[in-house]
């Protein structure tokens, strides 16, 4: 992504990058129940030295984010379905 298009991590762009799907269980936003919603999850939690960068943030449903808590995906036995990367220009345009 050209430097002039780089943006801070925002939920709108993050959810667009991950196709509005939980990166742990794979459910789409449209499949979530009434009181469930998408959230931002840090692969390496901020409290354990993680950063708020594109390569450390993924989309997670509230249930998976709560279940993972303050652990890494490996510790929580919740493998990621995708590898987090910096979003492509297309994601910025979609958002």
N, C-alpha and C. Protein backbone atom coordinates (compact mmCIF):
# COMPACT_ATOMS: atom_id res chain seq x y z
N UNK A 1 0.85 -1.17 0.00
CA UNK A 1 0.00 0.00 0.00
C UNK A 1 0.90 1.23 0.00
N UNK A 2 0.66 2.14 -0.94
CA UNK A 2 1.48 3.36 -0.95
C UNK A 2 1.37 4.09 0.39
N UNK A 3 2.45 4.72 0.80
CA UNK A 3 2.49 5.38 2.10
C UNK A 3 1.34 6.37 2.29
N UNK A 4 0.96 7.10 1.26
CA UNK A 4 -0.09 8.11 1.42
C UNK A 4 -1.45 7.50 1.69
N UNK A 5 -1.61 6.19 1.42
CA UNK A 5 -2.89 5.53 1.67
C UNK A 5 -2.90 4.76 2.99
N UNK A 6 -1.76 4.70 3.68
CA UNK A 6 -1.71 3.95 4.94
C UNK A 6 -2.56 4.67 5.99
N UNK A 7 -3.29 3.91 6.74
CA UNK A 7 -4.17 4.46 7.75
C UNK A 7 -3.97 3.71 9.07
N UNK A 8 -4.36 4.37 10.14
CA UNK A 8 -4.37 3.73 11.44
C UNK A 8 -5.42 2.61 11.42
N UNK A 9 -5.29 1.69 12.34
CA UNK A 9 -6.26 0.60 12.41
C UNK A 9 -7.60 1.16 12.87
N UNK A 10 -8.63 0.98 12.05
CA UNK A 10 -9.99 1.35 12.42
C UNK A 10 -10.86 0.13 12.21
N UNK A 11 -11.92 0.02 12.99
CA UNK A 11 -12.78 -1.14 12.87
C UNK A 11 -13.42 -1.23 11.48
N UNK A 12 -13.78 -0.11 10.90
CA UNK A 12 -14.42 -0.13 9.58
C UNK A 12 -13.52 -0.78 8.54
N UNK A 13 -12.26 -0.35 8.49
CA UNK A 13 -11.33 -0.90 7.51
C UNK A 13 -10.93 -2.33 7.90
N UNK A 14 -10.76 -2.58 9.19
CA UNK A 14 -10.41 -3.92 9.67
C UNK A 14 -11.48 -4.93 9.27
N UNK A 15 -12.74 -4.60 9.52
CA UNK A 15 -13.83 -5.51 9.17
C UNK A 15 -13.91 -5.72 7.67
N UNK A 16 -13.65 -4.67 6.87
CA UNK A 16 -13.65 -4.81 5.41
C UNK A 16 -12.51 -5.72 4.97
N UNK A 17 -11.34 -5.56 5.58
CA UNK A 17 -10.19 -6.40 5.23
C UNK A 17 -10.49 -7.87 5.49
N UNK A 18 -11.17 -8.16 6.59
CA UNK A 18 -11.47 -9.55 6.97
C UNK A 18 -12.81 -10.03 6.44
N UNK A 19 -13.40 -9.29 5.50
CA UNK A 19 -14.66 -9.67 4.85
C UNK A 19 -15.80 -9.83 5.86
N UNK A 20 -15.76 -9.05 6.94
CA UNK A 20 -16.79 -9.04 7.97
C UNK A 20 -17.04 -10.43 8.55
N UNK A 21 -15.94 -11.22 8.65
CA UNK A 21 -15.99 -12.58 9.22
C UNK A 21 -15.06 -12.67 10.43
N UNK A 22 -15.49 -13.45 11.40
CA UNK A 22 -14.64 -13.73 12.56
C UNK A 22 -13.44 -14.56 12.09
N UNK A 23 -12.26 -14.16 12.45
CA UNK A 23 -11.04 -14.86 12.03
C UNK A 23 -10.79 -16.12 12.86
N UNK A 24 -11.62 -16.39 13.85
CA UNK A 24 -11.47 -17.59 14.66
C UNK A 24 -12.50 -18.65 14.29
N UNK A 25 -13.78 -18.29 14.28
CA UNK A 25 -14.83 -19.28 13.98
C UNK A 25 -15.33 -19.21 12.54
N UNK A 26 -15.04 -18.13 11.85
CA UNK A 26 -15.41 -17.99 10.45
C UNK A 26 -16.82 -17.51 10.19
N UNK A 27 -17.58 -17.19 11.24
CA UNK A 27 -18.95 -16.73 11.03
C UNK A 27 -18.96 -15.32 10.47
N UNK A 28 -19.86 -15.10 9.52
CA UNK A 28 -20.05 -13.78 8.91
C UNK A 28 -20.93 -12.94 9.83
N UNK A 29 -20.82 -11.63 9.71
CA UNK A 29 -21.62 -10.72 10.54
C UNK A 29 -23.11 -11.05 10.45
N UNK A 30 -23.57 -11.45 9.27
CA UNK A 30 -25.00 -11.77 9.08
C UNK A 30 -25.42 -13.04 9.81
N UNK A 31 -24.46 -13.88 10.22
CA UNK A 31 -24.77 -15.12 10.93
C UNK A 31 -24.79 -14.96 12.45
N UNK A 32 -24.40 -13.80 12.94
CA UNK A 32 -24.35 -13.59 14.39
C UNK A 32 -25.75 -13.42 14.96
N UNK A 33 -25.92 -13.87 16.19
CA UNK A 33 -27.22 -13.73 16.85
C UNK A 33 -27.48 -12.29 17.27
N UNK A 34 -28.63 -12.04 17.81
CA UNK A 34 -29.11 -10.69 18.11
C UNK A 34 -28.11 -9.87 18.93
N UNK A 35 -27.61 -10.39 20.01
CA UNK A 35 -26.74 -9.60 20.89
C UNK A 35 -25.25 -9.82 20.61
N UNK A 36 -24.93 -10.48 19.52
CA UNK A 36 -23.53 -10.68 19.15
C UNK A 36 -23.12 -9.63 18.12
N UNK A 37 -21.86 -9.32 18.08
CA UNK A 37 -21.37 -8.30 17.17
C UNK A 37 -19.89 -8.56 16.90
N UNK A 38 -19.34 -7.90 15.89
CA UNK A 38 -17.92 -8.03 15.58
C UNK A 38 -17.10 -7.08 16.44
N UNK A 39 -15.91 -7.52 16.80
CA UNK A 39 -15.00 -6.71 17.61
C UNK A 39 -13.59 -6.81 17.03
N UNK A 40 -12.74 -5.94 17.53
CA UNK A 40 -11.32 -5.99 17.16
C UNK A 40 -10.61 -6.82 18.21
N UNK A 41 -9.79 -7.77 17.74
CA UNK A 41 -9.01 -8.58 18.67
C UNK A 41 -7.54 -8.41 18.34
N UNK A 42 -6.72 -8.34 19.36
CA UNK A 42 -5.28 -8.26 19.19
C UNK A 42 -4.71 -9.67 19.34
N UNK A 43 -4.03 -10.15 18.31
CA UNK A 43 -3.48 -11.50 18.32
C UNK A 43 -2.58 -11.67 19.54
N UNK A 44 -1.64 -10.79 19.71
CA UNK A 44 -0.85 -10.72 20.94
C UNK A 44 -1.46 -9.58 21.75
N UNK A 45 -2.13 -9.89 22.86
CA UNK A 45 -2.85 -8.85 23.61
C UNK A 45 -1.96 -7.65 23.98
N UNK A 46 -2.57 -6.47 23.99
CA UNK A 46 -1.85 -5.25 24.34
C UNK A 46 -1.22 -5.37 25.71
N UNK A 47 -1.91 -6.03 26.64
CA UNK A 47 -1.40 -6.16 28.01
C UNK A 47 -0.16 -7.05 28.08
N UNK A 48 0.11 -7.79 27.00
CA UNK A 48 1.27 -8.68 26.97
C UNK A 48 2.32 -8.19 25.98
N UNK A 49 2.25 -6.90 25.62
CA UNK A 49 3.27 -6.32 24.76
C UNK A 49 2.88 -6.23 23.29
N UNK A 50 1.66 -6.56 22.95
CA UNK A 50 1.20 -6.46 21.56
C UNK A 50 1.04 -5.01 21.15
N UNK A 51 0.95 -4.79 19.85
CA UNK A 51 0.81 -3.45 19.32
C UNK A 51 -0.53 -3.31 18.61
N UNK A 52 -0.91 -2.08 18.36
CA UNK A 52 -2.17 -1.80 17.66
C UNK A 52 -1.84 -1.59 16.18
N UNK A 53 -1.27 -2.62 15.55
CA UNK A 53 -0.88 -2.56 14.15
C UNK A 53 -1.69 -3.56 13.35
N UNK A 54 -1.72 -3.37 12.03
CA UNK A 54 -2.52 -4.23 11.16
C UNK A 54 -2.15 -5.69 11.29
N UNK A 55 -0.88 -5.98 11.50
CA UNK A 55 -0.44 -7.38 11.56
C UNK A 55 -0.74 -8.03 12.91
N UNK A 56 -1.26 -7.25 13.86
CA UNK A 56 -1.60 -7.80 15.17
C UNK A 56 -3.10 -7.72 15.45
N UNK A 57 -3.89 -7.17 14.54
CA UNK A 57 -5.33 -7.01 14.75
C UNK A 57 -6.12 -7.86 13.78
N UNK A 58 -7.17 -8.50 14.30
CA UNK A 58 -8.07 -9.29 13.47
C UNK A 58 -9.51 -9.02 13.91
N UNK A 59 -10.45 -9.38 13.04
CA UNK A 59 -11.87 -9.28 13.37
C UNK A 59 -12.26 -10.54 14.14
N UNK A 60 -12.99 -10.36 15.22
CA UNK A 60 -13.47 -11.50 16.01
C UNK A 60 -14.90 -11.22 16.46
N UNK A 61 -15.72 -12.26 16.49
CA UNK A 61 -17.06 -12.08 17.06
C UNK A 61 -16.89 -11.92 18.57
N UNK A 62 -17.86 -11.35 19.21
CA UNK A 62 -17.76 -11.09 20.65
C UNK A 62 -17.54 -12.37 21.44
N UNK A 63 -18.17 -13.46 21.02
CA UNK A 63 -18.03 -14.74 21.74
C UNK A 63 -16.59 -15.25 21.67
N UNK A 64 -15.99 -15.21 20.49
CA UNK A 64 -14.60 -15.68 20.34
C UNK A 64 -13.63 -14.75 21.06
N UNK A 65 -13.87 -13.45 20.99
CA UNK A 65 -12.99 -12.50 21.65
C UNK A 65 -13.02 -12.71 23.17
N UNK A 66 -14.18 -12.96 23.71
CA UNK A 66 -14.31 -13.22 25.14
C UNK A 66 -13.64 -14.53 25.51
N UNK A 67 -13.85 -15.56 24.68
CA UNK A 67 -13.26 -16.87 24.94
C UNK A 67 -11.74 -16.82 24.90
N UNK A 68 -11.19 -16.07 23.95
CA UNK A 68 -9.73 -15.96 23.82
C UNK A 68 -9.14 -15.18 24.99
N UNK A 69 -9.84 -14.14 25.41
CA UNK A 69 -9.44 -13.33 26.57
C UNK A 69 -8.02 -12.77 26.40
N UNK A 70 -7.20 -12.92 27.42
CA UNK A 70 -5.87 -12.32 27.45
C UNK A 70 -4.80 -13.36 27.09
N UNK A 71 -5.10 -14.18 26.08
CA UNK A 71 -4.17 -15.23 25.68
C UNK A 71 -3.86 -15.10 24.20
N UNK A 72 -2.82 -15.78 23.77
CA UNK A 72 -2.53 -15.85 22.34
C UNK A 72 -3.44 -16.90 21.73
N UNK A 73 -3.62 -16.90 20.42
CA UNK A 73 -4.45 -17.94 19.80
C UNK A 73 -3.94 -19.35 20.10
N UNK A 74 -2.63 -19.52 20.16
CA UNK A 74 -2.07 -20.84 20.47
C UNK A 74 -2.45 -21.27 21.89
N UNK A 75 -2.31 -20.36 22.84
CA UNK A 75 -2.64 -20.69 24.24
C UNK A 75 -4.13 -20.98 24.41
N UNK A 76 -4.97 -20.30 23.63
CA UNK A 76 -6.42 -20.48 23.74
C UNK A 76 -6.92 -21.63 22.86
N UNK A 77 -6.01 -22.27 22.11
CA UNK A 77 -6.39 -23.35 21.18
C UNK A 77 -7.43 -22.85 20.17
N UNK A 78 -7.19 -21.65 19.65
CA UNK A 78 -8.08 -21.02 18.67
C UNK A 78 -7.23 -20.54 17.49
N UNK A 79 -6.92 -21.42 16.55
CA UNK A 79 -6.08 -20.99 15.43
C UNK A 79 -6.76 -19.96 14.55
N UNK A 80 -5.97 -19.05 14.02
CA UNK A 80 -6.47 -18.03 13.10
C UNK A 80 -6.74 -18.66 11.75
N UNK A 81 -7.82 -18.25 11.09
CA UNK A 81 -8.15 -18.75 9.76
C UNK A 81 -7.42 -17.97 8.67
N UNK A 82 -6.92 -16.80 9.01
CA UNK A 82 -6.19 -15.95 8.06
C UNK A 82 -4.97 -15.36 8.76
N UNK A 83 -4.01 -14.92 7.98
CA UNK A 83 -2.85 -14.22 8.52
C UNK A 83 -3.11 -12.73 8.40
N UNK A 84 -3.07 -11.99 9.51
CA UNK A 84 -3.34 -10.55 9.43
C UNK A 84 -2.24 -9.81 8.67
N UNK A 85 -2.67 -8.96 7.74
CA UNK A 85 -1.74 -8.17 6.93
C UNK A 85 -2.25 -6.74 6.86
N UNK A 86 -1.40 -5.86 6.36
CA UNK A 86 -1.84 -4.48 6.14
C UNK A 86 -2.86 -4.50 5.01
N UNK A 87 -3.95 -3.73 5.11
CA UNK A 87 -4.99 -3.80 4.09
C UNK A 87 -4.54 -3.26 2.74
N UNK A 88 -5.14 -3.80 1.73
CA UNK A 88 -4.89 -3.37 0.36
C UNK A 88 -5.69 -2.10 0.10
N UNK A 89 -5.32 -1.34 -0.89
CA UNK A 89 -6.01 -0.12 -1.26
C UNK A 89 -7.51 -0.36 -1.47
N UNK A 90 -7.86 -1.53 -2.00
CA UNK A 90 -9.26 -1.87 -2.24
C UNK A 90 -10.06 -1.83 -0.94
N UNK A 91 -9.49 -2.33 0.15
CA UNK A 91 -10.19 -2.31 1.43
C UNK A 91 -10.43 -0.88 1.90
N UNK A 92 -9.45 -0.03 1.65
CA UNK A 92 -9.62 1.38 2.04
C UNK A 92 -10.73 2.02 1.24
N UNK A 93 -10.84 1.69 -0.04
CA UNK A 93 -11.88 2.25 -0.89
C UNK A 93 -13.24 1.71 -0.46
N UNK A 94 -13.35 0.40 -0.19
CA UNK A 94 -14.60 -0.21 0.24
C UNK A 94 -15.12 0.41 1.53
N UNK A 95 -14.19 0.72 2.43
CA UNK A 95 -14.64 1.23 3.73
C UNK A 95 -15.16 2.65 3.59
